Amino acid sequence: MKKISVITIVVVLFLYAGCQYGGFVGIMGTPGYHEQEVPAEYDLTKHTDQKVLVLVDQPAWLAAQANLRYHLTRAMNKDLVAKIGIKADHLFSYGELSTFRSGQPDFSLLSPVEVGKALNADMVLLVSIENYQLQQMADTGYCIGLLSVQSVLIETATGEKLWPKSAESGNIKVGFDAEHRGQEVAMARLVVACAYCTTRYLYDCPKKKFKIIEDKKRIDWESWE
């Protein structure tokens, strides 16, 4: 008799706890942090049959420095394959774009949509470099770096801006206070982080991976000057 009473009390307490806190089943069915995702602002994974052109706009004042146009194009293409699932033959290599550019005396006058149409691309991911700094700190061997770009995904046929809906998401800023492996590695770190912080908006990114240490979107950039 006592055994039955104890079992009854346990069952009642279990049911009561379920009512109070949303139910055991409800708790077990709630996705944990590691399972949560940040929804894509524009889900490019639904358009993997489209040809995407990464078009990096590098200002003239960077011409004598690192060829960020080349490195950013490669990094963006790599992430579009790895993160989005775009087929490699649906992307355009830097060499293809460079050949087209050298054959166009008025290339600088062409709009991103015009370039995309000329290369038969369905979409253009325009990456406009706004700020780039890479400095080696004296007597330390460490580098400090920053890279700021404005990224926009455009549909070639209509010229419609698919992403971002607001400038905030497309305003990518990455950087670091110290990199000890030399300037070449430091530059690679910047462009890889920039590509990551752009493509993370174009698929359902796992929440635990959305933020990376190089992401400096909300930092006061004047303090880096």
N, C-alpha and C. Protein backbone atom coordinates (compact mmCIF):
# COMPACT_ATOMS: atom_id res chain seq x y z
N MET A 1 0.83 -1.21 0.00
CA MET A 1 0.00 0.00 0.00
C MET A 1 0.86 1.25 0.00
N LYS A 2 1.92 1.19 0.83
CA LYS A 2 2.82 2.33 0.88
C LYS A 2 3.54 2.51 -0.44
N LYS A 3 3.89 1.35 -1.09
CA LYS A 3 4.60 1.40 -2.37
C LYS A 3 3.74 2.10 -3.42
N ILE A 4 2.45 1.78 -3.45
CA ILE A 4 1.53 2.40 -4.42
C ILE A 4 1.44 3.90 -4.17
N SER A 5 1.37 4.29 -2.91
CA SER A 5 1.26 5.71 -2.56
C SER A 5 2.47 6.48 -3.02
N VAL A 6 3.64 5.91 -2.85
CA VAL A 6 4.87 6.59 -3.26
C VAL A 6 4.89 6.79 -4.77
N ILE A 7 4.50 5.75 -5.50
CA ILE A 7 4.46 5.84 -6.97
C ILE A 7 3.47 6.92 -7.41
N THR A 8 2.32 6.93 -6.75
CA THR A 8 1.30 7.92 -7.09
C THR A 8 1.81 9.33 -6.87
N ILE A 9 2.50 9.53 -5.75
CA ILE A 9 3.03 10.87 -5.43
C ILE A 9 4.05 11.30 -6.49
N VAL A 10 4.93 10.37 -6.90
CA VAL A 10 5.95 10.69 -7.90
C VAL A 10 5.29 11.09 -9.22
N VAL A 11 4.27 10.33 -9.63
CA VAL A 11 3.56 10.63 -10.88
C VAL A 11 2.90 11.99 -10.82
N VAL A 12 2.24 12.27 -9.69
CA VAL A 12 1.56 13.56 -9.53
C VAL A 12 2.56 14.71 -9.60
N LEU A 13 3.69 14.54 -8.92
CA LEU A 13 4.72 15.59 -8.93
C LEU A 13 5.28 15.81 -10.33
N PHE A 14 5.47 14.72 -11.07
CA PHE A 14 5.98 14.79 -12.44
C PHE A 14 5.02 15.57 -13.33
N LEU A 15 3.70 15.23 -13.21
CA LEU A 15 2.70 15.91 -14.01
C LEU A 15 2.58 17.37 -13.62
N TYR A 16 2.69 17.66 -12.33
CA TYR A 16 2.62 19.03 -11.84
C TYR A 16 3.78 19.86 -12.40
N ALA A 17 4.97 19.27 -12.36
CA ALA A 17 6.14 19.96 -12.89
C ALA A 17 5.98 20.23 -14.37
N GLY A 18 5.35 19.26 -15.06
CA GLY A 18 5.12 19.44 -16.50
C GLY A 18 4.20 20.60 -16.76
N CYS A 19 3.15 20.76 -15.96
CA CYS A 19 2.21 21.87 -16.12
C CYS A 19 2.88 23.20 -15.81
N GLN A 20 3.73 23.18 -14.77
CA GLN A 20 4.36 24.41 -14.33
C GLN A 20 5.39 24.92 -15.32
N TYR A 21 6.13 24.02 -15.96
CA TYR A 21 7.28 24.44 -16.76
C TYR A 21 7.17 24.07 -18.24
N GLY A 22 5.94 23.89 -18.71
CA GLY A 22 5.75 23.69 -20.13
C GLY A 22 5.77 22.25 -20.56
N GLY A 23 5.98 21.34 -19.61
CA GLY A 23 5.93 19.92 -19.95
C GLY A 23 7.28 19.35 -20.31
N PHE A 24 7.48 18.12 -19.87
CA PHE A 24 8.74 17.44 -20.12
C PHE A 24 8.96 17.25 -21.62
N VAL A 25 7.90 16.89 -22.32
CA VAL A 25 8.02 16.68 -23.76
C VAL A 25 8.40 17.97 -24.46
N GLY A 26 7.78 19.07 -24.02
CA GLY A 26 8.08 20.37 -24.61
C GLY A 26 9.53 20.75 -24.41
N ILE A 27 10.05 20.49 -23.21
CA ILE A 27 11.44 20.83 -22.91
C ILE A 27 12.38 19.99 -23.77
N MET A 28 12.09 18.70 -23.87
CA MET A 28 12.94 17.81 -24.64
C MET A 28 12.88 18.14 -26.13
N GLY A 29 11.77 18.70 -26.58
CA GLY A 29 11.60 19.01 -27.99
C GLY A 29 12.16 20.36 -28.39
N THR A 30 12.61 21.17 -27.43
CA THR A 30 13.15 22.49 -27.73
C THR A 30 14.59 22.37 -28.21
N PRO A 31 14.91 22.94 -29.39
CA PRO A 31 16.28 22.84 -29.89
C PRO A 31 17.27 23.47 -28.93
N GLY A 32 18.38 22.79 -28.70
CA GLY A 32 19.43 23.34 -27.86
C GLY A 32 20.21 24.40 -28.60
N TYR A 33 21.09 25.10 -27.91
CA TYR A 33 21.86 26.18 -28.52
C TYR A 33 22.65 25.68 -29.72
N HIS A 34 23.23 24.48 -29.58
CA HIS A 34 24.07 23.95 -30.65
C HIS A 34 23.27 23.54 -31.88
N GLU A 35 21.95 23.46 -31.75
CA GLU A 35 21.10 23.09 -32.88
C GLU A 35 20.43 24.30 -33.51
N GLN A 36 20.49 25.44 -32.87
CA GLN A 36 19.81 26.63 -33.36
C GLN A 36 20.55 27.22 -34.56
N GLU A 37 19.78 27.88 -35.43
CA GLU A 37 20.34 28.49 -36.63
C GLU A 37 19.90 29.94 -36.75
N VAL A 38 20.74 30.74 -37.36
CA VAL A 38 20.37 32.11 -37.71
C VAL A 38 19.81 32.06 -39.13
N PRO A 39 18.52 32.34 -39.31
CA PRO A 39 17.89 32.20 -40.64
C PRO A 39 18.58 33.08 -41.68
N ALA A 40 18.69 32.56 -42.87
CA ALA A 40 19.29 33.31 -43.98
C ALA A 40 18.48 34.56 -44.29
N GLU A 41 19.15 35.67 -44.55
CA GLU A 41 18.45 36.87 -44.98
C GLU A 41 18.02 36.72 -46.45
N TYR A 42 18.82 36.01 -47.20
CA TYR A 42 18.43 35.58 -48.55
C TYR A 42 19.00 34.17 -48.71
N ASP A 43 18.13 33.19 -48.87
CA ASP A 43 18.57 31.80 -48.87
C ASP A 43 19.06 31.39 -50.26
N LEU A 44 20.37 31.56 -50.45
CA LEU A 44 20.97 31.25 -51.74
C LEU A 44 21.05 29.74 -51.98
N THR A 45 20.90 28.95 -50.91
CA THR A 45 20.94 27.49 -51.08
C THR A 45 19.76 26.98 -51.91
N LYS A 46 18.74 27.81 -52.07
CA LYS A 46 17.59 27.43 -52.89
C LYS A 46 17.79 27.77 -54.37
N HIS A 47 18.96 28.34 -54.67
CA HIS A 47 19.23 28.78 -56.04
C HIS A 47 20.61 28.29 -56.50
N THR A 48 20.94 27.07 -56.14
CA THR A 48 22.27 26.55 -56.47
C THR A 48 22.43 26.24 -57.96
N ASP A 49 21.35 26.32 -58.71
CA ASP A 49 21.43 26.11 -60.15
C ASP A 49 21.82 27.39 -60.89
N GLN A 50 21.91 28.51 -60.14
CA GLN A 50 22.23 29.80 -60.73
C GLN A 50 23.75 30.00 -60.84
N LYS A 51 24.16 30.75 -61.86
CA LYS A 51 25.56 31.11 -62.01
C LYS A 51 25.82 32.43 -61.27
N VAL A 52 26.81 32.42 -60.40
CA VAL A 52 27.08 33.58 -59.55
C VAL A 52 28.47 34.15 -59.87
N LEU A 53 28.50 35.43 -60.15
CA LEU A 53 29.76 36.14 -60.41
C LEU A 53 30.14 36.96 -59.19
N VAL A 54 31.31 36.68 -58.63
CA VAL A 54 31.85 37.51 -57.55
C VAL A 54 32.64 38.63 -58.21
N LEU A 55 32.20 39.85 -58.00
CA LEU A 55 32.82 41.02 -58.62
C LEU A 55 33.35 41.93 -57.52
N VAL A 56 34.67 41.96 -57.37
CA VAL A 56 35.30 42.76 -56.32
C VAL A 56 35.73 44.11 -56.89
N ASP A 57 35.23 45.17 -56.30
CA ASP A 57 35.58 46.53 -56.71
C ASP A 57 36.71 47.02 -55.81
N GLN A 58 37.90 47.08 -56.38
CA GLN A 58 39.08 47.51 -55.62
C GLN A 58 39.45 48.93 -56.01
N PRO A 59 39.44 49.88 -55.07
CA PRO A 59 39.75 51.27 -55.39
C PRO A 59 41.19 51.46 -55.87
N ALA A 60 41.42 52.53 -56.60
CA ALA A 60 42.73 52.78 -57.20
C ALA A 60 43.83 52.91 -56.17
N TRP A 61 43.50 53.42 -54.99
CA TRP A 61 44.54 53.62 -53.98
C TRP A 61 45.11 52.31 -53.43
N LEU A 62 44.50 51.19 -53.80
CA LEU A 62 45.02 49.89 -53.38
C LEU A 62 45.83 49.20 -54.48
N ALA A 63 45.95 49.85 -55.64
CA ALA A 63 46.57 49.21 -56.79
C ALA A 63 48.01 48.78 -56.52
N ALA A 64 48.75 49.57 -55.75
CA ALA A 64 50.16 49.27 -55.51
C ALA A 64 50.35 48.35 -54.31
N GLN A 65 49.26 47.97 -53.66
CA GLN A 65 49.37 47.10 -52.49
C GLN A 65 48.89 45.69 -52.84
N ALA A 66 48.47 44.98 -51.85
CA ALA A 66 48.03 43.60 -52.06
C ALA A 66 46.88 43.54 -53.05
N ASN A 67 46.88 42.52 -53.90
CA ASN A 67 45.80 42.35 -54.87
C ASN A 67 44.60 41.71 -54.17
N LEU A 68 43.88 42.51 -53.43
CA LEU A 68 42.73 41.99 -52.69
C LEU A 68 41.64 41.49 -53.63
N ARG A 69 41.58 42.06 -54.82
CA ARG A 69 40.57 41.62 -55.79
C ARG A 69 40.72 40.12 -56.05
N TYR A 70 41.94 39.70 -56.24
CA TYR A 70 42.23 38.28 -56.50
C TYR A 70 41.91 37.42 -55.29
N HIS A 71 42.42 37.81 -54.13
CA HIS A 71 42.26 37.00 -52.92
C HIS A 71 40.81 36.94 -52.45
N LEU A 72 40.09 38.06 -52.54
CA LEU A 72 38.69 38.07 -52.12
C LEU A 72 37.82 37.24 -53.07
N THR A 73 38.11 37.31 -54.35
CA THR A 73 37.35 36.50 -55.31
C THR A 73 37.50 35.02 -54.99
N ARG A 74 38.72 34.59 -54.75
CA ARG A 74 38.97 33.18 -54.44
C ARG A 74 38.28 32.77 -53.14
N ALA A 75 38.38 33.61 -52.11
CA ALA A 75 37.79 33.28 -50.81
C ALA A 75 36.27 33.22 -50.89
N MET A 76 35.67 34.17 -51.60
CA MET A 76 34.22 34.18 -51.75
C MET A 76 33.75 32.95 -52.52
N ASN A 77 34.43 32.63 -53.62
CA ASN A 77 34.05 31.46 -54.42
C ASN A 77 34.15 30.18 -53.59
N LYS A 78 35.19 30.08 -52.80
CA LYS A 78 35.38 28.90 -51.97
C LYS A 78 34.24 28.73 -50.98
N ASP A 79 33.80 29.81 -50.35
CA ASP A 79 32.70 29.72 -49.38
C ASP A 79 31.37 29.47 -50.07
N LEU A 80 31.19 29.99 -51.28
CA LEU A 80 29.94 29.75 -52.01
C LEU A 80 29.80 28.26 -52.34
N VAL A 81 30.91 27.60 -52.56
CA VAL A 81 30.89 26.16 -52.79
C VAL A 81 30.68 25.40 -51.48
N ALA A 82 31.49 25.74 -50.47
CA ALA A 82 31.48 24.98 -49.22
C ALA A 82 30.24 25.24 -48.36
N LYS A 83 29.81 26.48 -48.26
CA LYS A 83 28.71 26.84 -47.37
C LYS A 83 27.35 26.83 -48.06
N ILE A 84 27.30 27.27 -49.30
CA ILE A 84 26.03 27.42 -50.01
C ILE A 84 25.71 26.21 -50.87
N GLY A 85 26.73 25.58 -51.41
CA GLY A 85 26.51 24.42 -52.27
C GLY A 85 26.45 24.76 -53.74
N ILE A 86 26.93 25.97 -54.11
CA ILE A 86 27.01 26.33 -55.52
C ILE A 86 28.08 25.45 -56.18
N LYS A 87 27.79 24.93 -57.37
CA LYS A 87 28.77 24.12 -58.07
C LYS A 87 29.91 25.00 -58.58
N ALA A 88 31.12 24.47 -58.54
CA ALA A 88 32.28 25.25 -58.94
C ALA A 88 32.18 25.76 -60.37
N ASP A 89 31.55 24.97 -61.25
CA ASP A 89 31.43 25.41 -62.64
C ASP A 89 30.31 26.43 -62.85
N HIS A 90 29.61 26.77 -61.77
CA HIS A 90 28.60 27.84 -61.81
C HIS A 90 29.17 29.16 -61.29
N LEU A 91 30.47 29.15 -60.98
CA LEU A 91 31.15 30.35 -60.52
C LEU A 91 32.19 30.78 -61.55
N PHE A 92 32.72 31.98 -61.36
CA PHE A 92 33.68 32.53 -62.31
C PHE A 92 35.01 32.76 -61.60
N SER A 93 36.07 32.20 -62.15
CA SER A 93 37.38 32.36 -61.53
C SER A 93 37.89 33.78 -61.73
N TYR A 94 38.87 34.15 -60.94
CA TYR A 94 39.47 35.46 -61.09
C TYR A 94 40.09 35.60 -62.48
N GLY A 95 40.66 34.51 -62.98
CA GLY A 95 41.28 34.55 -64.31
C GLY A 95 40.28 34.87 -65.41
N GLU A 96 39.08 34.28 -65.33
CA GLU A 96 38.05 34.55 -66.33
C GLU A 96 37.64 36.02 -66.32
N LEU A 97 37.43 36.54 -65.13
CA LEU A 97 37.03 37.95 -65.01
C LEU A 97 38.16 38.87 -65.43
N SER A 98 39.39 38.50 -65.10
CA SER A 98 40.55 39.32 -65.45
C SER A 98 40.71 39.40 -66.97
N THR A 99 40.50 38.27 -67.65
CA THR A 99 40.59 38.24 -69.11
C THR A 99 39.53 39.14 -69.73
N PHE A 100 38.32 39.06 -69.19
CA PHE A 100 37.24 39.92 -69.68
C PHE A 100 37.57 41.39 -69.43
N ARG A 101 38.07 41.68 -68.25
CA ARG A 101 38.37 43.06 -67.88
C ARG A 101 39.45 43.65 -68.82
N SER A 102 40.47 42.88 -69.09
CA SER A 102 41.57 43.39 -69.93
C SER A 102 41.13 43.62 -71.37
N GLY A 103 40.06 42.96 -71.78
CA GLY A 103 39.56 43.13 -73.15
C GLY A 103 38.52 44.22 -73.29
N GLN A 104 38.24 44.92 -72.19
CA GLN A 104 37.24 45.99 -72.19
C GLN A 104 37.89 47.32 -71.82
N PRO A 105 38.19 48.16 -72.81
CA PRO A 105 38.83 49.45 -72.50
C PRO A 105 37.95 50.36 -71.64
N ASP A 106 36.66 50.11 -71.66
CA ASP A 106 35.73 50.92 -70.87
C ASP A 106 35.16 50.13 -69.69
N PHE A 107 35.91 49.14 -69.19
CA PHE A 107 35.40 48.28 -68.13
C PHE A 107 34.93 49.07 -66.91
N SER A 108 35.67 50.10 -66.55
CA SER A 108 35.32 50.89 -65.36
C SER A 108 33.98 51.59 -65.50
N LEU A 109 33.49 51.72 -66.73
CA LEU A 109 32.21 52.39 -66.96
C LEU A 109 31.03 51.42 -66.94
N LEU A 110 31.33 50.12 -66.92
CA LEU A 110 30.27 49.12 -66.93
C LEU A 110 29.69 48.94 -65.53
N SER A 111 28.39 48.77 -65.46
CA SER A 111 27.74 48.50 -64.17
C SER A 111 27.90 47.02 -63.84
N PRO A 112 27.75 46.64 -62.55
CA PRO A 112 27.81 45.22 -62.19
C PRO A 112 26.83 44.36 -62.98
N VAL A 113 25.64 44.89 -63.27
CA VAL A 113 24.65 44.14 -64.04
C VAL A 113 25.15 43.93 -65.47
N GLU A 114 25.76 44.94 -66.07
CA GLU A 114 26.28 44.82 -67.43
C GLU A 114 27.41 43.79 -67.50
N VAL A 115 28.27 43.78 -66.49
CA VAL A 115 29.36 42.80 -66.44
C VAL A 115 28.77 41.40 -66.29
N GLY A 116 27.78 41.27 -65.41
CA GLY A 116 27.14 39.98 -65.20
C GLY A 116 26.49 39.44 -66.46
N LYS A 117 25.79 40.30 -67.18
CA LYS A 117 25.13 39.88 -68.42
C LYS A 117 26.16 39.48 -69.48
N ALA A 118 27.26 40.22 -69.55
CA ALA A 118 28.29 39.92 -70.54
C ALA A 118 28.92 38.54 -70.30
N LEU A 119 28.99 38.14 -69.06
CA LEU A 119 29.59 36.85 -68.71
C LEU A 119 28.54 35.75 -68.53
N ASN A 120 27.28 36.09 -68.79
CA ASN A 120 26.18 35.12 -68.68
C ASN A 120 25.98 34.63 -67.24
N ALA A 121 26.11 35.54 -66.30
CA ALA A 121 25.88 35.21 -64.88
C ALA A 121 24.43 35.52 -64.52
N ASP A 122 23.85 34.70 -63.65
CA ASP A 122 22.48 34.94 -63.19
C ASP A 122 22.43 35.94 -62.05
N MET A 123 23.49 35.93 -61.24
CA MET A 123 23.58 36.83 -60.10
C MET A 123 25.00 37.39 -60.00
N VAL A 124 25.09 38.57 -59.43
CA VAL A 124 26.39 39.19 -59.19
C VAL A 124 26.51 39.49 -57.69
N LEU A 125 27.56 38.98 -57.07
CA LEU A 125 27.86 39.32 -55.68
C LEU A 125 28.93 40.40 -55.73
N LEU A 126 28.49 41.64 -55.59
CA LEU A 126 29.39 42.79 -55.66
C LEU A 126 30.01 43.04 -54.29
N VAL A 127 31.33 43.10 -54.25
CA VAL A 127 32.06 43.33 -53.00
C VAL A 127 32.91 44.57 -53.20
N SER A 128 32.49 45.67 -52.60
CA SER A 128 33.19 46.95 -52.76
C SER A 128 34.08 47.21 -51.55
N ILE A 129 35.39 47.27 -51.79
CA ILE A 129 36.33 47.51 -50.70
C ILE A 129 36.27 48.98 -50.29
N GLU A 130 36.08 49.22 -49.01
CA GLU A 130 35.98 50.59 -48.50
C GLU A 130 37.18 50.99 -47.65
N ASN A 131 37.79 50.02 -46.98
CA ASN A 131 38.93 50.33 -46.11
C ASN A 131 39.79 49.09 -45.97
N TYR A 132 41.08 49.28 -46.03
CA TYR A 132 42.02 48.17 -45.84
C TYR A 132 43.30 48.70 -45.24
N GLN A 133 43.72 48.07 -44.15
CA GLN A 133 44.98 48.44 -43.51
C GLN A 133 45.65 47.18 -42.98
N LEU A 134 46.92 47.08 -43.23
CA LEU A 134 47.71 45.98 -42.70
C LEU A 134 49.08 46.55 -42.33
N GLN A 135 49.35 46.60 -41.04
CA GLN A 135 50.59 47.22 -40.56
C GLN A 135 51.34 46.26 -39.65
N GLN A 136 52.66 46.29 -39.79
CA GLN A 136 53.50 45.50 -38.90
C GLN A 136 54.00 46.38 -37.78
N MET A 137 53.76 45.96 -36.55
CA MET A 137 54.17 46.75 -35.39
C MET A 137 55.67 46.64 -35.19
N ALA A 138 56.29 47.77 -35.01
CA ALA A 138 57.75 47.84 -34.92
C ALA A 138 58.29 46.98 -33.78
N ASP A 139 59.39 46.27 -34.09
CA ASP A 139 60.14 45.49 -33.11
C ASP A 139 59.35 44.35 -32.47
N THR A 140 58.21 43.98 -33.07
CA THR A 140 57.43 42.90 -32.48
C THR A 140 57.22 41.73 -33.44
N GLY A 141 57.17 42.03 -34.73
CA GLY A 141 56.88 40.99 -35.70
C GLY A 141 55.39 40.73 -35.84
N TYR A 142 54.57 41.40 -35.04
CA TYR A 142 53.12 41.23 -35.10
C TYR A 142 52.50 42.20 -36.09
N CYS A 143 51.39 41.78 -36.68
CA CYS A 143 50.65 42.63 -37.62
C CYS A 143 49.28 42.97 -37.04
N ILE A 144 48.83 44.17 -37.36
CA ILE A 144 47.48 44.58 -37.04
C ILE A 144 46.76 44.81 -38.37
N GLY A 145 45.52 44.33 -38.48
CA GLY A 145 44.86 44.42 -39.78
C GLY A 145 43.38 44.73 -39.68
N LEU A 146 42.85 45.34 -40.72
CA LEU A 146 41.42 45.59 -40.83
C LEU A 146 41.01 45.62 -42.29
N LEU A 147 39.79 45.22 -42.53
CA LEU A 147 39.23 45.21 -43.89
C LEU A 147 37.75 45.49 -43.79
N SER A 148 37.30 46.46 -44.55
CA SER A 148 35.89 46.84 -44.56
C SER A 148 35.38 46.82 -46.00
N VAL A 149 34.26 46.12 -46.22
CA VAL A 149 33.66 46.05 -47.56
C VAL A 149 32.15 46.24 -47.45
N GLN A 150 31.55 46.57 -48.58
CA GLN A 150 30.09 46.61 -48.69
C GLN A 150 29.70 45.55 -49.71
N SER A 151 28.94 44.55 -49.29
CA SER A 151 28.56 43.44 -50.16
C SER A 151 27.09 43.53 -50.56
N VAL A 152 26.82 43.25 -51.83
CA VAL A 152 25.45 43.30 -52.36
C VAL A 152 25.27 42.15 -53.35
N LEU A 153 24.14 41.43 -53.24
CA LEU A 153 23.81 40.37 -54.19
C LEU A 153 22.73 40.91 -55.13
N ILE A 154 23.01 40.86 -56.43
CA ILE A 154 22.13 41.46 -57.44
C ILE A 154 21.69 40.41 -58.45
N GLU A 155 20.41 40.44 -58.82
CA GLU A 155 19.92 39.58 -59.88
C GLU A 155 20.21 40.25 -61.21
N THR A 156 20.89 39.54 -62.09
CA THR A 156 21.35 40.14 -63.34
C THR A 156 20.21 40.52 -64.27
N ALA A 157 19.23 39.65 -64.41
CA ALA A 157 18.15 39.88 -65.38
C ALA A 157 17.36 41.15 -65.10
N THR A 158 17.10 41.43 -63.82
CA THR A 158 16.24 42.56 -63.45
C THR A 158 16.99 43.72 -62.81
N GLY A 159 18.20 43.45 -62.33
CA GLY A 159 18.94 44.48 -61.61
C GLY A 159 18.48 44.63 -60.17
N GLU A 160 17.61 43.72 -59.72
CA GLU A 160 17.07 43.80 -58.36
C GLU A 160 18.12 43.44 -57.32
N LYS A 161 18.16 44.20 -56.24
CA LYS A 161 19.05 43.87 -55.12
C LYS A 161 18.37 42.80 -54.27
N LEU A 162 18.93 41.61 -54.27
CA LEU A 162 18.35 40.50 -53.53
C LEU A 162 18.74 40.53 -52.07
N TRP A 163 19.95 40.99 -51.80
CA TRP A 163 20.48 41.08 -50.44
C TRP A 163 21.58 42.12 -50.42
N PRO A 164 21.71 42.90 -49.33
CA PRO A 164 20.85 42.92 -48.14
C PRO A 164 19.65 43.83 -48.33
N LYS A 165 18.64 43.63 -47.51
CA LYS A 165 17.47 44.51 -47.55
C LYS A 165 17.79 45.84 -46.87
N SER A 166 18.74 45.82 -45.94
CA SER A 166 19.24 47.05 -45.32
C SER A 166 20.76 47.02 -45.42
N ALA A 167 21.38 48.17 -45.40
CA ALA A 167 22.83 48.25 -45.60
C ALA A 167 23.61 47.61 -44.46
N GLU A 168 23.00 47.47 -43.31
CA GLU A 168 23.71 46.99 -42.13
C GLU A 168 24.33 45.61 -42.33
N SER A 169 23.56 44.66 -42.85
CA SER A 169 24.05 43.30 -43.00
C SER A 169 25.19 43.23 -44.01
N GLY A 170 25.07 43.99 -45.08
CA GLY A 170 26.10 43.95 -46.12
C GLY A 170 27.34 44.74 -45.79
N ASN A 171 27.30 45.47 -44.70
CA ASN A 171 28.46 46.26 -44.27
C ASN A 171 29.38 45.36 -43.44
N ILE A 172 30.37 44.79 -44.07
CA ILE A 172 31.24 43.80 -43.44
C ILE A 172 32.53 44.45 -42.96
N LYS A 173 32.85 44.25 -41.69
CA LYS A 173 34.09 44.77 -41.12
C LYS A 173 34.78 43.67 -40.33
N VAL A 174 36.01 43.39 -40.70
CA VAL A 174 36.78 42.36 -40.00
C VAL A 174 38.16 42.91 -39.66
N GLY A 175 38.76 42.34 -38.63
CA GLY A 175 40.08 42.80 -38.23
C GLY A 175 40.62 42.04 -37.04
N PHE A 176 41.86 42.36 -36.68
CA PHE A 176 42.48 41.74 -35.51
C PHE A 176 43.57 42.66 -34.98
N ASP A 177 43.88 42.50 -33.70
CA ASP A 177 44.89 43.33 -33.04
C ASP A 177 46.29 42.77 -33.17
N ALA A 178 46.40 41.46 -33.37
CA ALA A 178 47.73 40.87 -33.43
C ALA A 178 47.72 39.57 -34.22
N GLU A 179 48.61 39.50 -35.21
CA GLU A 179 48.84 38.28 -35.98
C GLU A 179 50.36 38.11 -36.11
N HIS A 180 50.88 37.02 -35.60
CA HIS A 180 52.33 36.86 -35.50
C HIS A 180 52.96 36.06 -36.64
N ARG A 181 52.14 35.60 -37.60
CA ARG A 181 52.67 34.71 -38.64
C ARG A 181 53.05 35.42 -39.94
N GLY A 182 53.18 36.75 -39.89
CA GLY A 182 53.62 37.49 -41.06
C GLY A 182 52.49 38.12 -41.84
N GLN A 183 52.85 39.03 -42.76
CA GLN A 183 51.85 39.80 -43.49
C GLN A 183 51.03 38.96 -44.46
N GLU A 184 51.65 37.95 -45.07
CA GLU A 184 50.91 37.11 -46.01
C GLU A 184 49.78 36.35 -45.32
N VAL A 185 50.09 35.78 -44.16
CA VAL A 185 49.07 35.07 -43.40
C VAL A 185 48.03 36.05 -42.87
N ALA A 186 48.48 37.23 -42.46
CA ALA A 186 47.56 38.25 -41.94
C ALA A 186 46.54 38.67 -42.99
N MET A 187 47.01 38.88 -44.23
CA MET A 187 46.10 39.26 -45.30
C MET A 187 45.11 38.14 -45.60
N ALA A 188 45.63 36.90 -45.63
CA ALA A 188 44.76 35.76 -45.88
C ALA A 188 43.68 35.65 -44.81
N ARG A 189 44.06 35.92 -43.58
CA ARG A 189 43.11 35.86 -42.47
C ARG A 189 42.00 36.89 -42.65
N LEU A 190 42.35 38.07 -43.14
CA LEU A 190 41.35 39.12 -43.36
C LEU A 190 40.36 38.73 -44.45
N VAL A 191 40.86 38.25 -45.59
CA VAL A 191 39.95 37.96 -46.69
C VAL A 191 39.08 36.73 -46.41
N VAL A 192 39.63 35.74 -45.71
CA VAL A 192 38.83 34.56 -45.35
C VAL A 192 37.71 34.97 -44.40
N ALA A 193 38.03 35.83 -43.42
CA ALA A 193 37.02 36.30 -42.47
C ALA A 193 35.96 37.14 -43.18
N CYS A 194 36.38 37.95 -44.14
CA CYS A 194 35.45 38.80 -44.89
C CYS A 194 34.48 37.94 -45.70
N ALA A 195 35.00 36.91 -46.35
CA ALA A 195 34.14 36.01 -47.12
C ALA A 195 33.16 35.29 -46.21
N TYR A 196 33.63 34.86 -45.06
CA TYR A 196 32.77 34.15 -44.11
C TYR A 196 31.65 35.06 -43.62
N CYS A 197 32.00 36.29 -43.26
CA CYS A 197 31.01 37.21 -42.70
C CYS A 197 30.01 37.70 -43.75
N THR A 198 30.31 37.50 -45.02
CA THR A 198 29.36 37.81 -46.09
C THR A 198 28.43 36.63 -46.34
N THR A 199 29.01 35.46 -46.57
CA THR A 199 28.20 34.30 -46.95
C THR A 199 27.34 33.77 -45.81
N ARG A 200 27.65 34.10 -44.57
CA ARG A 200 26.85 33.59 -43.45
C ARG A 200 25.40 34.09 -43.49
N TYR A 201 25.16 35.18 -44.23
CA TYR A 201 23.80 35.72 -44.36
C TYR A 201 23.00 35.03 -45.47
N LEU A 202 23.66 34.17 -46.24
CA LEU A 202 23.04 33.59 -47.43
C LEU A 202 22.65 32.13 -47.26
N TYR A 203 22.70 31.64 -46.03
CA TYR A 203 22.21 30.30 -45.71
C TYR A 203 21.86 30.27 -44.23
N ASP A 204 21.16 29.23 -43.80
CA ASP A 204 20.81 29.10 -42.39
C ASP A 204 22.05 28.70 -41.61
N CYS A 205 22.72 29.68 -41.07
CA CYS A 205 24.01 29.45 -40.42
C CYS A 205 23.81 28.99 -38.98
N PRO A 206 24.49 27.92 -38.56
CA PRO A 206 24.41 27.50 -37.15
C PRO A 206 24.76 28.66 -36.23
N LYS A 207 23.94 28.85 -35.21
CA LYS A 207 24.12 30.01 -34.32
C LYS A 207 25.49 30.03 -33.66
N LYS A 208 25.99 28.85 -33.33
CA LYS A 208 27.28 28.78 -32.63
C LYS A 208 28.45 29.17 -33.55
N LYS A 209 28.20 29.18 -34.87
CA LYS A 209 29.26 29.51 -35.82
C LYS A 209 29.08 30.88 -36.45
N PHE A 210 27.96 31.55 -36.15
CA PHE A 210 27.65 32.80 -36.83
C PHE A 210 28.68 33.90 -36.52
N LYS A 211 29.06 34.00 -35.28
CA LYS A 211 29.99 35.04 -34.85
C LYS A 211 31.40 34.49 -34.82
N ILE A 212 32.34 35.21 -35.43
CA ILE A 212 33.74 34.81 -35.37
C ILE A 212 34.55 35.93 -34.75
N ILE A 213 35.74 35.61 -34.29
CA ILE A 213 36.53 36.56 -33.52
C ILE A 213 36.97 37.77 -34.35
N GLU A 214 37.10 37.59 -35.67
CA GLU A 214 37.54 38.69 -36.53
C GLU A 214 36.41 39.66 -36.87
N ASP A 215 35.17 39.32 -36.54
CA ASP A 215 34.02 40.17 -36.86
C ASP A 215 34.06 41.42 -35.99
N LYS A 216 34.24 42.58 -36.63
CA LYS A 216 34.37 43.85 -35.90
C LYS A 216 33.32 44.86 -36.33
N LYS A 217 32.16 44.37 -36.69
CA LYS A 217 31.12 45.24 -37.27
C LYS A 217 30.76 46.41 -36.37
N ARG A 218 30.74 46.19 -35.06
CA ARG A 218 30.28 47.25 -34.15
C ARG A 218 31.43 47.97 -33.45
N ILE A 219 32.62 47.86 -33.98
CA ILE A 219 33.77 48.52 -33.36
C ILE A 219 33.90 49.95 -33.91
N ASP A 220 34.50 50.82 -33.11
CA ASP A 220 34.79 52.18 -33.55
C ASP A 220 36.07 52.12 -34.38
N TRP A 221 35.93 52.24 -35.68
CA TRP A 221 37.07 52.06 -36.56
C TRP A 221 38.07 53.20 -36.46
N GLU A 222 37.63 54.34 -35.96
CA GLU A 222 38.57 55.47 -35.82
C GLU A 222 39.70 55.11 -34.86
N SER A 223 39.41 54.23 -33.92
CA SER A 223 40.42 53.84 -32.94
C SER A 223 41.52 52.97 -33.56
N TRP A 224 41.26 52.48 -34.76
CA TRP A 224 42.25 51.64 -35.44
C TRP A 224 43.20 52.46 -36.29
N GLU A 225 42.83 53.71 -36.54
CA GLU A 225 43.65 54.54 -37.45
C GLU A 225 45.02 54.85 -36.84
